All heavy atoms as atom14 arrays in JSON, in Angstrom:
{
  "sequence": "VAHITTGGNSYTYISSVKGRFGISRDNAKNTVHLQMN",
  "atom14_mask": [
    [1, 1, 1, 1, 1, 1, 1, 0, 0, 0, 0, 0, 0, 0],
    [1, 1, 1, 1, 1, 0, 0, 0, 0, 0, 0, 0, 0, 0],
    [1, 1, 1, 1, 1, 1, 1, 1, 1, 1, 0, 0, 0, 0],
    [1, 1, 1, 1, 1, 1, 1, 1, 0, 0, 0, 0, 0, 0],
    [1, 1, 1, 1, 1, 1, 1, 0, 0, 0, 0, 0, 0, 0],
    [1, 1, 1, 1, 1, 1, 1, 0, 0, 0, 0, 0, 0, 0],
    [1, 1, 1, 1, 0, 0, 0, 0, 0, 0, 0, 0, 0, 0],
    [1, 1, 1, 1, 0, 0, 0, 0, 0, 0, 0, 0, 0, 0],
    [1, 1, 1, 1, 1, 1, 1, 1, 0, 0, 0, 0, 0, 0],
    [1, 1, 1, 1, 1, 1, 0, 0, 0, 0, 0, 0, 0, 0],
    [1, 1, 1, 1, 1, 1, 1, 1, 1, 1, 1, 1, 0, 0],
    [1, 1, 1, 1, 1, 1, 1, 0, 0, 0, 0, 0, 0, 0],
    [1, 1, 1, 1, 1, 1, 1, 1, 1, 1, 1, 1, 0, 0],
    [1, 1, 1, 1, 1, 1, 1, 1, 0, 0, 0, 0, 0, 0],
    [1, 1, 1, 1, 1, 1, 0, 0, 0, 0, 0, 0, 0, 0],
    [1, 1, 1, 1, 1, 1, 0, 0, 0, 0, 0, 0, 0, 0],
    [1, 1, 1, 1, 1, 1, 1, 0, 0, 0, 0, 0, 0, 0],
    [1, 1, 1, 1, 1, 1, 1, 1, 1, 0, 0, 0, 0, 0],
    [1, 1, 1, 1, 0, 0, 0, 0, 0, 0, 0, 0, 0, 0],
    [1, 1, 1, 1, 1, 1, 1, 1, 1, 1, 1, 0, 0, 0],
    [1, 1, 1, 1, 1, 1, 1, 1, 1, 1, 1, 0, 0, 0],
    [1, 1, 1, 1, 0, 0, 0, 0, 0, 0, 0, 0, 0, 0],
    [1, 1, 1, 1, 1, 1, 1, 1, 0, 0, 0, 0, 0, 0],
    [1, 1, 1, 1, 1, 1, 0, 0, 0, 0, 0, 0, 0, 0],
    [1, 1, 1, 1, 1, 1, 1, 1, 1, 1, 1, 0, 0, 0],
    [1, 1, 1, 1, 1, 1, 1, 1, 0, 0, 0, 0, 0, 0],
    [1, 1, 1, 1, 1, 1, 1, 1, 0, 0, 0, 0, 0, 0],
    [1, 1, 1, 1, 1, 0, 0, 0, 0, 0, 0, 0, 0, 0],
    [1, 1, 1, 1, 1, 1, 1, 1, 1, 0, 0, 0, 0, 0],
    [1, 1, 1, 1, 1, 1, 1, 1, 0, 0, 0, 0, 0, 0],
    [1, 1, 1, 1, 1, 1, 1, 0, 0, 0, 0, 0, 0, 0],
    [1, 1, 1, 1, 1, 1, 1, 0, 0, 0, 0, 0, 0, 0],
    [1, 1, 1, 1, 1, 1, 1, 1, 1, 1, 0, 0, 0, 0],
    [1, 1, 1, 1, 1, 1, 1, 1, 0, 0, 0, 0, 0, 0],
    [1, 1, 1, 1, 1, 1, 1, 1, 1, 0, 0, 0, 0, 0],
    [1, 1, 1, 1, 1, 1, 1, 1, 0, 0, 0, 0, 0, 0],
    [1, 1, 1, 1, 1, 1, 1, 1, 0, 0, 0, 0, 0, 0]
  ],
  "atom14_positions": [
    [[-182.58, -98.06, 160.23], [-181.74, -99.23, 160.06], [-180.52, -99.17, 160.99], [-180.18, -100.14, 161.66], [-181.26, -99.37, 158.6], [-180.27, -100.52, 158.45], [-182.45, -99.55, 157.67], [0.0, 0.0, 0.0], [0.0, 0.0, 0.0], [0.0, 0.0, 0.0], [0.0, 0.0, 0.0], [0.0, 0.0, 0.0], [0.0, 0.0, 0.0], [0.0, 0.0, 0.0]],
    [[-179.87, -98.02, 161.01], [-178.65, -97.88, 161.8], [-178.38, -96.41, 162.04], [-178.8, -95.56, 161.24], [-177.46, -98.5, 161.07], [0.0, 0.0, 0.0], [0.0, 0.0, 0.0], [0.0, 0.0, 0.0], [0.0, 0.0, 0.0], [0.0, 0.0, 0.0], [0.0, 0.0, 0.0], [0.0, 0.0, 0.0], [0.0, 0.0, 0.0], [0.0, 0.0, 0.0]],
    [[-177.69, -96.1, 163.14], [-177.24, -94.74, 163.3], [-175.85, -94.7, 163.93], [-175.41, -95.68, 164.53], [-178.24, -93.88, 164.08], [-178.38, -94.19, 165.54], [-179.4, -94.96, 166.05], [-177.66, -93.79, 166.61], [-179.29, -95.03, 167.35], [-178.24, -94.33, 167.72], [0.0, 0.0, 0.0], [0.0, 0.0, 0.0], [0.0, 0.0, 0.0], [0.0, 0.0, 0.0]],
    [[-175.19, -93.57, 163.74], [-173.81, -93.42, 164.19], [-173.66, -92.05, 164.84], [-174.18, -91.05, 164.35], [-172.84, -93.58, 162.98], [-171.37, -93.52, 163.44], [-173.12, -92.57, 161.88], [-170.39, -93.95, 162.33], [0.0, 0.0, 0.0], [0.0, 0.0, 0.0], [0.0, 0.0, 0.0], [0.0, 0.0, 0.0], [0.0, 0.0, 0.0], [0.0, 0.0, 0.0]],
    [[-172.97, -92.02, 165.96], [-172.83, -90.78, 166.71], [-171.88, -89.81, 166.01], [-171.21, -90.15, 165.04], [-172.34, -91.07, 168.13], [-171.14, -91.86, 168.06], [-173.4, -91.83, 168.92], [0.0, 0.0, 0.0], [0.0, 0.0, 0.0], [0.0, 0.0, 0.0], [0.0, 0.0, 0.0], [0.0, 0.0, 0.0], [0.0, 0.0, 0.0], [0.0, 0.0, 0.0]],
    [[-171.81, -88.61, 166.53], [-171.09, -87.54, 165.86], [-169.61, -87.87, 165.62], [-169.07, -87.58, 164.56], [-171.18, -86.24, 166.67], [-170.72, -86.47, 168.0], [-172.63, -85.74, 166.71], [0.0, 0.0, 0.0], [0.0, 0.0, 0.0], [0.0, 0.0, 0.0], [0.0, 0.0, 0.0], [0.0, 0.0, 0.0], [0.0, 0.0, 0.0], [0.0, 0.0, 0.0]],
    [[-168.98, -88.49, 166.59], [-167.57, -88.82, 166.46], [-167.3, -90.1, 165.71], [-166.15, -90.43, 165.42], [0.0, 0.0, 0.0], [0.0, 0.0, 0.0], [0.0, 0.0, 0.0], [0.0, 0.0, 0.0], [0.0, 0.0, 0.0], [0.0, 0.0, 0.0], [0.0, 0.0, 0.0], [0.0, 0.0, 0.0], [0.0, 0.0, 0.0], [0.0, 0.0, 0.0]],
    [[-168.36, -90.84, 165.39], [-168.2, -92.07, 164.63], [-167.76, -93.26, 165.44], [-167.37, -94.28, 164.87], [0.0, 0.0, 0.0], [0.0, 0.0, 0.0], [0.0, 0.0, 0.0], [0.0, 0.0, 0.0], [0.0, 0.0, 0.0], [0.0, 0.0, 0.0], [0.0, 0.0, 0.0], [0.0, 0.0, 0.0], [0.0, 0.0, 0.0], [0.0, 0.0, 0.0]],
    [[-167.82, -93.19, 166.76], [-167.31, -94.3, 167.57], [-168.39, -95.07, 168.29], [-168.1, -95.95, 169.11], [-166.28, -93.77, 168.58], [-166.84, -92.66, 169.44], [-168.0, -92.29, 169.31], [-166.02, -92.13, 170.32], [0.0, 0.0, 0.0], [0.0, 0.0, 0.0], [0.0, 0.0, 0.0], [0.0, 0.0, 0.0], [0.0, 0.0, 0.0], [0.0, 0.0, 0.0]],
    [[-169.63, -94.79, 167.99], [-170.72, -95.55, 168.59], [-171.81, -95.75, 167.54], [-172.17, -94.81, 166.83], [-171.28, -94.82, 169.81], [-172.32, -95.56, 170.39], [0.0, 0.0, 0.0], [0.0, 0.0, 0.0], [0.0, 0.0, 0.0], [0.0, 0.0, 0.0], [0.0, 0.0, 0.0], [0.0, 0.0, 0.0], [0.0, 0.0, 0.0], [0.0, 0.0, 0.0]],
    [[-172.3, -96.98, 167.45], [-173.26, -97.33, 166.41], [-174.39, -98.13, 167.02], [-174.21, -98.83, 168.01], [-172.61, -98.18, 165.32], [-171.12, -98.06, 165.21], [-170.28, -98.93, 165.89], [-170.54, -97.07, 164.43], [-168.91, -98.81, 165.81], [-169.16, -96.95, 164.34], [-168.35, -97.82, 165.03], [-166.99, -97.7, 164.95], [0.0, 0.0, 0.0], [0.0, 0.0, 0.0]],
    [[-175.54, -98.06, 166.35], [-176.69, -98.87, 166.74], [-177.34, -99.41, 165.49], [-177.47, -98.69, 164.49], [-177.7, -98.03, 167.55], [-177.04, -97.48, 168.69], [-178.87, -98.88, 168.0], [0.0, 0.0, 0.0], [0.0, 0.0, 0.0], [0.0, 0.0, 0.0], [0.0, 0.0, 0.0], [0.0, 0.0, 0.0], [0.0, 0.0, 0.0], [0.0, 0.0, 0.0]],
    [[-177.73, -100.67, 165.54], [-178.36, -101.33, 164.39], [-179.65, -102.01, 164.83], [-179.77, -102.47, 165.97], [-177.43, -102.4, 163.81], [-176.09, -101.89, 163.37], [-175.0, -101.91, 164.23], [-175.9, -101.4, 162.08], [-173.76, -101.44, 163.83], [-174.67, -100.93, 161.66], [-173.6, -100.95, 162.55], [-172.38, -100.47, 162.14], [0.0, 0.0, 0.0], [0.0, 0.0, 0.0]],
    [[-180.59, -102.12, 163.89], [-181.75, -102.94, 164.19], [-181.31, -104.4, 164.15], [-180.32, -104.75, 163.48], [-182.91, -102.68, 163.2], [-182.47, -102.9, 161.75], [-183.46, -101.28, 163.41], [-183.62, -102.84, 160.75], [0.0, 0.0, 0.0], [0.0, 0.0, 0.0], [0.0, 0.0, 0.0], [0.0, 0.0, 0.0], [0.0, 0.0, 0.0], [0.0, 0.0, 0.0]],
    [[-182.03, -105.23, 164.84], [-181.59, -106.62, 165.01], [-181.46, -107.37, 163.7], [-180.58, -108.21, 163.53], [-182.55, -107.36, 165.94], [-183.86, -107.32, 165.44], [0.0, 0.0, 0.0], [0.0, 0.0, 0.0], [0.0, 0.0, 0.0], [0.0, 0.0, 0.0], [0.0, 0.0, 0.0], [0.0, 0.0, 0.0], [0.0, 0.0, 0.0], [0.0, 0.0, 0.0]],
    [[-182.31, -107.06, 162.73], [-182.32, -107.82, 161.48], [-181.07, -107.58, 160.62], [-180.8, -108.36, 159.71], [-183.58, -107.5, 160.67], [-183.64, -106.12, 160.36], [0.0, 0.0, 0.0], [0.0, 0.0, 0.0], [0.0, 0.0, 0.0], [0.0, 0.0, 0.0], [0.0, 0.0, 0.0], [0.0, 0.0, 0.0], [0.0, 0.0, 0.0], [0.0, 0.0, 0.0]],
    [[-180.31, -106.53, 160.9], [-179.11, -106.26, 160.1], [-177.83, -106.36, 160.91], [-176.74, -106.27, 160.35], [-179.18, -104.87, 159.42], [-180.48, -104.7, 158.65], [-178.99, -103.74, 160.42], [0.0, 0.0, 0.0], [0.0, 0.0, 0.0], [0.0, 0.0, 0.0], [0.0, 0.0, 0.0], [0.0, 0.0, 0.0], [0.0, 0.0, 0.0], [0.0, 0.0, 0.0]],
    [[-177.96, -106.56, 162.2], [-176.79, -106.61, 163.08], [-175.87, -107.74, 162.64], [-176.31, -108.86, 162.38], [-177.24, -106.82, 164.52], [-176.24, -106.38, 165.57], [-176.86, -106.4, 166.95], [-177.92, -105.35, 167.12], [-178.46, -105.29, 168.5], [0.0, 0.0, 0.0], [0.0, 0.0, 0.0], [0.0, 0.0, 0.0], [0.0, 0.0, 0.0], [0.0, 0.0, 0.0]],
    [[-174.59, -107.43, 162.53], [-173.61, -108.41, 162.08], [-173.44, -108.48, 160.58], [-172.51, -109.11, 160.07], [0.0, 0.0, 0.0], [0.0, 0.0, 0.0], [0.0, 0.0, 0.0], [0.0, 0.0, 0.0], [0.0, 0.0, 0.0], [0.0, 0.0, 0.0], [0.0, 0.0, 0.0], [0.0, 0.0, 0.0], [0.0, 0.0, 0.0], [0.0, 0.0, 0.0]],
    [[-174.34, -107.84, 159.85], [-174.25, -107.85, 158.38], [-173.97, -106.46, 157.81], [-173.32, -106.33, 156.77], [-175.56, -108.37, 157.77], [-175.94, -109.77, 158.2], [-177.13, -110.29, 157.4], [-178.35, -109.52, 157.62], [-179.01, -108.9, 156.64], [-178.57, -108.93, 155.4], [-180.13, -108.23, 156.94], [0.0, 0.0, 0.0], [0.0, 0.0, 0.0], [0.0, 0.0, 0.0]],
    [[-174.47, -105.43, 158.47], [-174.32, -104.06, 157.98], [-173.33, -103.3, 158.86], [-173.22, -103.56, 160.06], [-175.66, -103.32, 158.02], [-176.66, -103.75, 156.99], [-176.52, -104.91, 156.25], [-177.8, -102.96, 156.77], [-177.45, -105.3, 155.31], [-178.74, -103.33, 155.82], [-178.58, -104.5, 155.1], [0.0, 0.0, 0.0], [0.0, 0.0, 0.0], [0.0, 0.0, 0.0]],
    [[-172.62, -102.34, 158.25], [-171.72, -101.48, 159.0], [-171.88, -100.04, 158.57], [-171.81, -99.73, 157.39], [0.0, 0.0, 0.0], [0.0, 0.0, 0.0], [0.0, 0.0, 0.0], [0.0, 0.0, 0.0], [0.0, 0.0, 0.0], [0.0, 0.0, 0.0], [0.0, 0.0, 0.0], [0.0, 0.0, 0.0], [0.0, 0.0, 0.0], [0.0, 0.0, 0.0]],
    [[-172.11, -99.16, 159.54], [-172.26, -97.74, 159.25], [-170.98, -97.02, 159.61], [-170.31, -97.35, 160.6], [-173.47, -97.14, 160.01], [-173.76, -95.72, 159.55], [-173.29, -97.24, 161.52], [-175.09, -95.16, 160.09], [0.0, 0.0, 0.0], [0.0, 0.0, 0.0], [0.0, 0.0, 0.0], [0.0, 0.0, 0.0], [0.0, 0.0, 0.0], [0.0, 0.0, 0.0]],
    [[-170.61, -96.04, 158.78], [-169.41, -95.25, 159.04], [-169.64, -93.83, 158.53], [-170.59, -93.59, 157.78], [-168.19, -95.87, 158.35], [-168.37, -95.91, 156.95], [0.0, 0.0, 0.0], [0.0, 0.0, 0.0], [0.0, 0.0, 0.0], [0.0, 0.0, 0.0], [0.0, 0.0, 0.0], [0.0, 0.0, 0.0], [0.0, 0.0, 0.0], [0.0, 0.0, 0.0]],
    [[-168.78, -92.93, 158.93], [-168.92, -91.54, 158.49], [-167.54, -90.91, 158.32], [-166.55, -91.34, 158.93], [-169.74, -90.74, 159.49], [-169.09, -90.55, 160.85], [-170.06, -89.93, 161.85], [-170.42, -88.56, 161.48], [-171.51, -87.94, 161.94], [-172.34, -88.56, 162.78], [-171.76, -86.7, 161.58], [0.0, 0.0, 0.0], [0.0, 0.0, 0.0], [0.0, 0.0, 0.0]],
    [[-167.52, -89.87, 157.5], [-166.31, -89.08, 157.29], [-166.7, -87.62, 157.5], [-167.3, -87.0, 156.61], [-165.76, -89.32, 155.89], [-164.44, -88.63, 155.64], [-164.13, -87.64, 156.33], [-163.69, -89.07, 154.75], [0.0, 0.0, 0.0], [0.0, 0.0, 0.0], [0.0, 0.0, 0.0], [0.0, 0.0, 0.0], [0.0, 0.0, 0.0], [0.0, 0.0, 0.0]],
    [[-166.38, -87.08, 158.64], [-166.79, -85.7, 158.95], [-166.04, -84.68, 158.1], [-166.52, -83.56, 157.93], [-166.59, -85.42, 160.43], [-167.64, -86.09, 161.29], [-168.69, -86.5, 160.79], [-167.36, -86.22, 162.58], [0.0, 0.0, 0.0], [0.0, 0.0, 0.0], [0.0, 0.0, 0.0], [0.0, 0.0, 0.0], [0.0, 0.0, 0.0], [0.0, 0.0, 0.0]],
    [[-164.89, -85.04, 157.58], [-164.14, -84.12, 156.72], [-164.82, -83.96, 155.37], [-164.68, -82.92, 154.71], [-162.71, -84.6, 156.55], [0.0, 0.0, 0.0], [0.0, 0.0, 0.0], [0.0, 0.0, 0.0], [0.0, 0.0, 0.0], [0.0, 0.0, 0.0], [0.0, 0.0, 0.0], [0.0, 0.0, 0.0], [0.0, 0.0, 0.0], [0.0, 0.0, 0.0]],
    [[-165.53, -85.01, 154.95], [-166.18, -85.0, 153.64], [-167.69, -84.88, 153.73], [-168.38, -84.88, 152.7], [-165.81, -86.25, 152.86], [-164.32, -86.36, 152.54], [-164.03, -87.61, 151.74], [-162.54, -87.69, 151.4], [-162.22, -88.94, 150.64], [0.0, 0.0, 0.0], [0.0, 0.0, 0.0], [0.0, 0.0, 0.0], [0.0, 0.0, 0.0], [0.0, 0.0, 0.0]],
    [[-168.23, -84.8, 154.94], [-169.69, -84.74, 155.14], [-170.4, -85.91, 154.47], [-171.39, -85.73, 153.76], [-170.26, -83.41, 154.62], [-169.95, -82.24, 155.53], [-169.15, -82.37, 156.46], [-170.55, -81.1, 155.26], [0.0, 0.0, 0.0], [0.0, 0.0, 0.0], [0.0, 0.0, 0.0], [0.0, 0.0, 0.0], [0.0, 0.0, 0.0], [0.0, 0.0, 0.0]],
    [[-169.85, -87.1, 154.68], [-170.46, -88.28, 154.09], [-170.7, -89.35, 155.15], [-169.99, -89.43, 156.15], [-169.58, -88.88, 152.98], [-168.27, -89.14, 153.52], [-169.44, -87.94, 151.79], [0.0, 0.0, 0.0], [0.0, 0.0, 0.0], [0.0, 0.0, 0.0], [0.0, 0.0, 0.0], [0.0, 0.0, 0.0], [0.0, 0.0, 0.0], [0.0, 0.0, 0.0]],
    [[-171.71, -90.15, 154.88], [-172.01, -91.31, 155.73], [-172.23, -92.5, 154.8], [-172.77, -92.35, 153.7], [-173.22, -91.04, 156.65], [-174.47, -90.71, 155.87], [-173.45, -92.19, 157.61], [0.0, 0.0, 0.0], [0.0, 0.0, 0.0], [0.0, 0.0, 0.0], [0.0, 0.0, 0.0], [0.0, 0.0, 0.0], [0.0, 0.0, 0.0], [0.0, 0.0, 0.0]],
    [[-171.78, -93.66, 155.24], [-171.8, -94.84, 154.39], [-172.48, -96.0, 155.11], [-172.53, -96.05, 156.34], [-170.36, -95.25, 154.02], [-169.57, -94.13, 153.44], [-169.68, -93.77, 152.12], [-168.68, -93.27, 154.0], [-168.88, -92.74, 151.88], [-168.27, -92.41, 153.01], [0.0, 0.0, 0.0], [0.0, 0.0, 0.0], [0.0, 0.0, 0.0], [0.0, 0.0, 0.0]],
    [[-172.98, -96.93, 154.31], [-173.56, -98.14, 154.86], [-173.03, -99.32, 154.05], [-173.38, -99.48, 152.89], [-175.09, -98.11, 154.81], [-175.79, -99.26, 155.52], [-175.58, -99.16, 157.03], [-177.28, -99.27, 155.2], [0.0, 0.0, 0.0], [0.0, 0.0, 0.0], [0.0, 0.0, 0.0], [0.0, 0.0, 0.0], [0.0, 0.0, 0.0], [0.0, 0.0, 0.0]],
    [[-172.18, -100.1, 154.68], [-171.67, -101.31, 154.07], [-172.65, -102.44, 154.37], [-172.94, -102.7, 155.54], [-170.28, -101.66, 154.63], [-169.74, -103.01, 154.17], [-169.38, -103.03, 152.7], [-168.75, -102.11, 152.2], [-169.78, -104.1, 152.01], [0.0, 0.0, 0.0], [0.0, 0.0, 0.0], [0.0, 0.0, 0.0], [0.0, 0.0, 0.0], [0.0, 0.0, 0.0]],
    [[-173.16, -103.07, 153.33], [-174.17, -104.11, 153.5], [-173.64, -105.42, 152.95], [-173.34, -105.51, 151.76], [-175.46, -103.72, 152.79], [-175.99, -102.35, 153.2], [-177.62, -101.99, 152.5], [-177.22, -101.95, 150.76], [0.0, 0.0, 0.0], [0.0, 0.0, 0.0], [0.0, 0.0, 0.0], [0.0, 0.0, 0.0], [0.0, 0.0, 0.0], [0.0, 0.0, 0.0]],
    [[-173.52, -106.41, 153.81], [-173.03, -107.72, 153.43], [-174.12, -108.77, 153.66], [-175.09, -108.52, 154.37], [-171.79, -108.08, 154.26], [-170.66, -107.1, 154.07], [-170.37, -106.66, 152.96], [-169.99, -106.75, 155.17], [0.0, 0.0, 0.0], [0.0, 0.0, 0.0], [0.0, 0.0, 0.0], [0.0, 0.0, 0.0], [0.0, 0.0, 0.0], [0.0, 0.0, 0.0]]
  ]
}
């Protein structure tokens, strides 16, 4: 669906979710999130 690079500053989405979903990560907490609108 989406991926995010190690530093969290580059993202890629499949076309069907582009503009609706947002991926983010917190390297301090070892977590990755997907905001879906």
